[in-house]
N, C-alpha and C. Protein backbone atom coordinates (compact mmCIF):
# COMPACT_ATOMS: atom_id res chain seq x y z
N MET A 1 0.85 -1.18 0.00
CA MET A 1 0.00 0.00 0.00
C MET A 1 0.89 1.24 0.00
N ASP A 2 0.63 2.14 -0.91
CA ASP A 2 1.41 3.36 -1.04
C ASP A 2 0.89 4.40 -0.05
N ILE A 3 1.77 4.96 0.77
CA ILE A 3 1.37 5.96 1.76
C ILE A 3 0.75 7.18 1.10
N GLN A 4 1.18 7.51 -0.11
CA GLN A 4 0.62 8.67 -0.79
C GLN A 4 -0.88 8.52 -1.04
N SER A 5 -1.36 7.31 -1.20
CA SER A 5 -2.78 7.13 -1.43
C SER A 5 -3.59 7.26 -0.14
N GLU A 6 -2.93 7.17 0.99
CA GLU A 6 -3.62 7.22 2.29
C GLU A 6 -3.72 8.63 2.85
N ILE A 7 -2.94 9.56 2.35
CA ILE A 7 -2.98 10.93 2.84
C ILE A 7 -3.22 11.89 1.69
N LEU A 8 -3.78 13.04 2.01
CA LEU A 8 -4.01 14.04 0.98
C LEU A 8 -2.68 14.65 0.55
N ALA A 9 -2.56 14.92 -0.73
CA ALA A 9 -1.38 15.60 -1.26
C ALA A 9 -1.46 17.08 -0.88
N GLU A 10 -0.34 17.76 -0.92
CA GLU A 10 -0.30 19.18 -0.55
C GLU A 10 -1.29 20.00 -1.37
N ASP A 11 -1.40 19.71 -2.68
CA ASP A 11 -2.33 20.48 -3.50
C ASP A 11 -3.79 20.20 -3.14
N GLU A 12 -4.08 19.01 -2.62
CA GLU A 12 -5.44 18.70 -2.18
C GLU A 12 -5.78 19.47 -0.90
N ILE A 13 -4.82 19.57 0.01
CA ILE A 13 -5.04 20.36 1.22
C ILE A 13 -5.21 21.83 0.85
N SER A 14 -4.43 22.30 -0.11
CA SER A 14 -4.57 23.68 -0.59
C SER A 14 -5.95 23.91 -1.21
N ALA A 15 -6.45 22.93 -1.96
CA ALA A 15 -7.77 23.06 -2.58
C ALA A 15 -8.87 23.16 -1.54
N ILE A 16 -8.73 22.42 -0.44
CA ILE A 16 -9.74 22.44 0.62
C ILE A 16 -9.67 23.74 1.41
N THR A 17 -8.45 24.13 1.79
CA THR A 17 -8.29 25.30 2.67
C THR A 17 -8.18 26.61 1.91
N VAL A 18 -7.85 26.58 0.64
CA VAL A 18 -7.61 27.72 -0.23
C VAL A 18 -6.34 28.47 0.19
N PHE A 19 -5.46 27.80 0.91
CA PHE A 19 -4.19 28.41 1.34
C PHE A 19 -3.03 27.53 0.91
N LYS A 20 -1.91 28.17 0.60
CA LYS A 20 -0.70 27.43 0.24
C LYS A 20 0.29 27.37 1.41
N LEU A 21 0.29 28.39 2.25
CA LEU A 21 1.20 28.42 3.40
C LEU A 21 0.71 27.47 4.49
N ALA A 22 1.65 26.69 5.02
CA ALA A 22 1.30 25.68 6.03
C ALA A 22 0.58 26.30 7.23
N ARG A 23 1.07 27.44 7.71
CA ARG A 23 0.46 28.08 8.90
C ARG A 23 -0.99 28.45 8.63
N SER A 24 -1.25 28.96 7.45
CA SER A 24 -2.63 29.34 7.09
C SER A 24 -3.50 28.09 6.95
N GLN A 25 -2.95 27.01 6.38
CA GLN A 25 -3.69 25.76 6.28
C GLN A 25 -4.03 25.23 7.67
N ILE A 26 -3.06 25.25 8.57
CA ILE A 26 -3.28 24.78 9.94
C ILE A 26 -4.36 25.61 10.62
N ASN A 27 -4.31 26.93 10.45
CA ASN A 27 -5.34 27.79 11.05
C ASN A 27 -6.72 27.42 10.52
N TRP A 28 -6.83 27.20 9.20
CA TRP A 28 -8.12 26.85 8.60
C TRP A 28 -8.60 25.52 9.15
N LEU A 29 -7.72 24.51 9.16
CA LEU A 29 -8.10 23.18 9.63
C LEU A 29 -8.58 23.24 11.08
N GLU A 30 -7.89 23.98 11.93
CA GLU A 30 -8.30 24.11 13.33
C GLU A 30 -9.63 24.84 13.45
N LYS A 31 -9.80 25.91 12.71
CA LYS A 31 -11.04 26.70 12.76
C LYS A 31 -12.25 25.85 12.35
N HIS A 32 -12.04 24.93 11.41
CA HIS A 32 -13.14 24.12 10.90
C HIS A 32 -13.21 22.73 11.55
N GLY A 33 -12.43 22.50 12.59
CA GLY A 33 -12.53 21.26 13.36
C GLY A 33 -11.96 20.02 12.70
N TRP A 34 -10.98 20.20 11.82
CA TRP A 34 -10.35 19.06 11.14
C TRP A 34 -9.18 18.56 11.98
N HIS A 35 -9.02 17.24 12.05
CA HIS A 35 -7.87 16.63 12.71
C HIS A 35 -6.76 16.47 11.69
N TYR A 36 -5.54 16.70 12.13
CA TYR A 36 -4.38 16.59 11.25
C TYR A 36 -3.16 16.29 12.10
N GLU A 37 -2.10 15.90 11.45
CA GLU A 37 -0.79 15.72 12.08
C GLU A 37 0.18 16.61 11.33
N LEU A 38 1.29 16.92 11.97
CA LEU A 38 2.34 17.68 11.29
C LEU A 38 3.45 16.73 10.88
N ASN A 39 3.91 16.89 9.64
CA ASN A 39 5.02 16.05 9.19
C ASN A 39 6.34 16.70 9.62
N GLY A 40 7.46 16.14 9.22
CA GLY A 40 8.77 16.65 9.60
C GLY A 40 9.03 18.06 9.12
N ALA A 41 8.37 18.47 8.05
CA ALA A 41 8.52 19.82 7.51
C ALA A 41 7.51 20.78 8.13
N ARG A 42 6.79 20.31 9.15
CA ARG A 42 5.77 21.11 9.87
C ARG A 42 4.61 21.51 8.96
N ARG A 43 4.28 20.62 8.00
CA ARG A 43 3.12 20.82 7.14
C ARG A 43 2.01 19.90 7.62
N PRO A 44 0.75 20.32 7.49
CA PRO A 44 -0.35 19.48 7.95
C PRO A 44 -0.54 18.26 7.05
N VAL A 45 -0.82 17.12 7.68
CA VAL A 45 -1.08 15.87 6.98
C VAL A 45 -2.48 15.42 7.39
N VAL A 46 -3.33 15.16 6.38
CA VAL A 46 -4.71 14.77 6.62
C VAL A 46 -4.95 13.42 5.95
N GLY A 47 -5.55 12.49 6.66
CA GLY A 47 -5.86 11.19 6.09
C GLY A 47 -6.95 11.28 5.05
N ARG A 48 -6.82 10.49 3.99
CA ARG A 48 -7.77 10.52 2.88
C ARG A 48 -9.18 10.06 3.30
N VAL A 49 -9.26 8.98 4.06
CA VAL A 49 -10.57 8.48 4.49
C VAL A 49 -11.23 9.51 5.40
N TYR A 50 -10.45 10.09 6.31
CA TYR A 50 -10.98 11.12 7.21
C TYR A 50 -11.54 12.29 6.39
N ALA A 51 -10.78 12.75 5.40
CA ALA A 51 -11.21 13.88 4.58
C ALA A 51 -12.50 13.55 3.83
N ARG A 52 -12.60 12.35 3.29
CA ARG A 52 -13.82 11.96 2.56
C ARG A 52 -15.03 11.98 3.47
N LEU A 53 -14.89 11.45 4.67
CA LEU A 53 -16.00 11.46 5.62
C LEU A 53 -16.35 12.90 6.01
N LYS A 54 -15.35 13.69 6.31
CA LYS A 54 -15.57 15.08 6.73
C LYS A 54 -16.28 15.86 5.63
N LEU A 55 -15.82 15.70 4.38
CA LEU A 55 -16.43 16.42 3.27
C LEU A 55 -17.84 15.94 2.96
N ALA A 56 -18.15 14.71 3.34
CA ALA A 56 -19.49 14.16 3.13
C ALA A 56 -20.45 14.54 4.25
N GLY A 57 -19.94 15.25 5.25
CA GLY A 57 -20.79 15.67 6.36
C GLY A 57 -20.95 14.62 7.44
N VAL A 58 -20.11 13.60 7.40
CA VAL A 58 -20.14 12.53 8.40
C VAL A 58 -19.09 12.84 9.44
N LYS A 59 -19.46 12.76 10.72
CA LYS A 59 -18.47 12.98 11.77
C LYS A 59 -17.58 11.75 11.85
N PRO A 60 -16.32 11.87 11.44
CA PRO A 60 -15.42 10.71 11.43
C PRO A 60 -15.17 10.16 12.83
N THR A 61 -15.30 8.84 12.96
CA THR A 61 -14.99 8.15 14.21
C THR A 61 -14.18 6.91 13.85
N GLY A 62 -13.67 6.25 14.86
CA GLY A 62 -12.92 5.02 14.61
C GLY A 62 -13.79 3.96 13.97
N ALA A 63 -15.09 3.96 14.27
CA ALA A 63 -15.98 2.94 13.74
C ALA A 63 -16.30 3.15 12.26
N ASN A 64 -16.55 4.40 11.84
CA ASN A 64 -16.93 4.61 10.45
C ASN A 64 -15.75 4.93 9.55
N ALA A 65 -14.56 5.02 10.10
CA ALA A 65 -13.38 5.31 9.29
C ALA A 65 -12.71 4.05 8.75
N ILE A 66 -13.24 2.89 9.10
CA ILE A 66 -12.66 1.64 8.63
C ILE A 66 -13.11 1.41 7.19
N VAL A 67 -12.15 1.22 6.33
CA VAL A 67 -12.47 0.96 4.93
C VAL A 67 -12.98 -0.48 4.82
N GLN A 68 -14.17 -0.61 4.30
CA GLN A 68 -14.75 -1.94 4.17
C GLN A 68 -14.52 -2.46 2.76
N THR A 69 -14.13 -3.70 2.68
CA THR A 69 -13.94 -4.31 1.37
C THR A 69 -15.28 -4.80 0.85
N TRP A 70 -15.40 -4.89 -0.44
CA TRP A 70 -16.63 -5.38 -1.05
C TRP A 70 -16.25 -6.20 -2.28
N THR A 71 -17.22 -7.00 -2.69
CA THR A 71 -17.04 -7.78 -3.90
C THR A 71 -18.25 -7.56 -4.80
N LEU A 72 -18.03 -7.69 -6.07
CA LEU A 72 -19.10 -7.53 -7.04
C LEU A 72 -19.96 -8.79 -7.05
N ASP A 73 -21.26 -8.65 -6.79
CA ASP A 73 -22.18 -9.78 -6.77
C ASP A 73 -23.06 -9.71 -8.01
N LEU A 74 -22.78 -10.54 -8.98
CA LEU A 74 -23.57 -10.57 -10.21
C LEU A 74 -24.65 -11.65 -10.19
N SER A 75 -24.85 -12.30 -9.06
CA SER A 75 -25.79 -13.40 -8.99
C SER A 75 -27.24 -12.99 -9.21
N LYS A 76 -27.56 -11.72 -8.97
CA LYS A 76 -28.96 -11.26 -9.10
C LYS A 76 -29.26 -10.71 -10.48
N ILE A 77 -28.28 -10.70 -11.35
CA ILE A 77 -28.49 -10.20 -12.72
C ILE A 77 -28.90 -11.38 -13.60
N SER A 78 -29.98 -11.20 -14.32
CA SER A 78 -30.44 -12.30 -15.19
C SER A 78 -30.20 -12.02 -16.64
């Protein structure tokens, strides 16, 4: 699993916050109640699943943040 697919890219965080500077992004994330971590460069890191839930209006929790696997069921197609 590639770590890049699990976290938002810098341009994605910029698109959400409308800021390019890390400090401004952090201020926006805090003001809007987003959880994040700081990487070694002191830039905010946001998980992709968390962001999807947050943008969908779902309050992210440990229970609903688990990615569920699914399989295609064609048995009902005639």
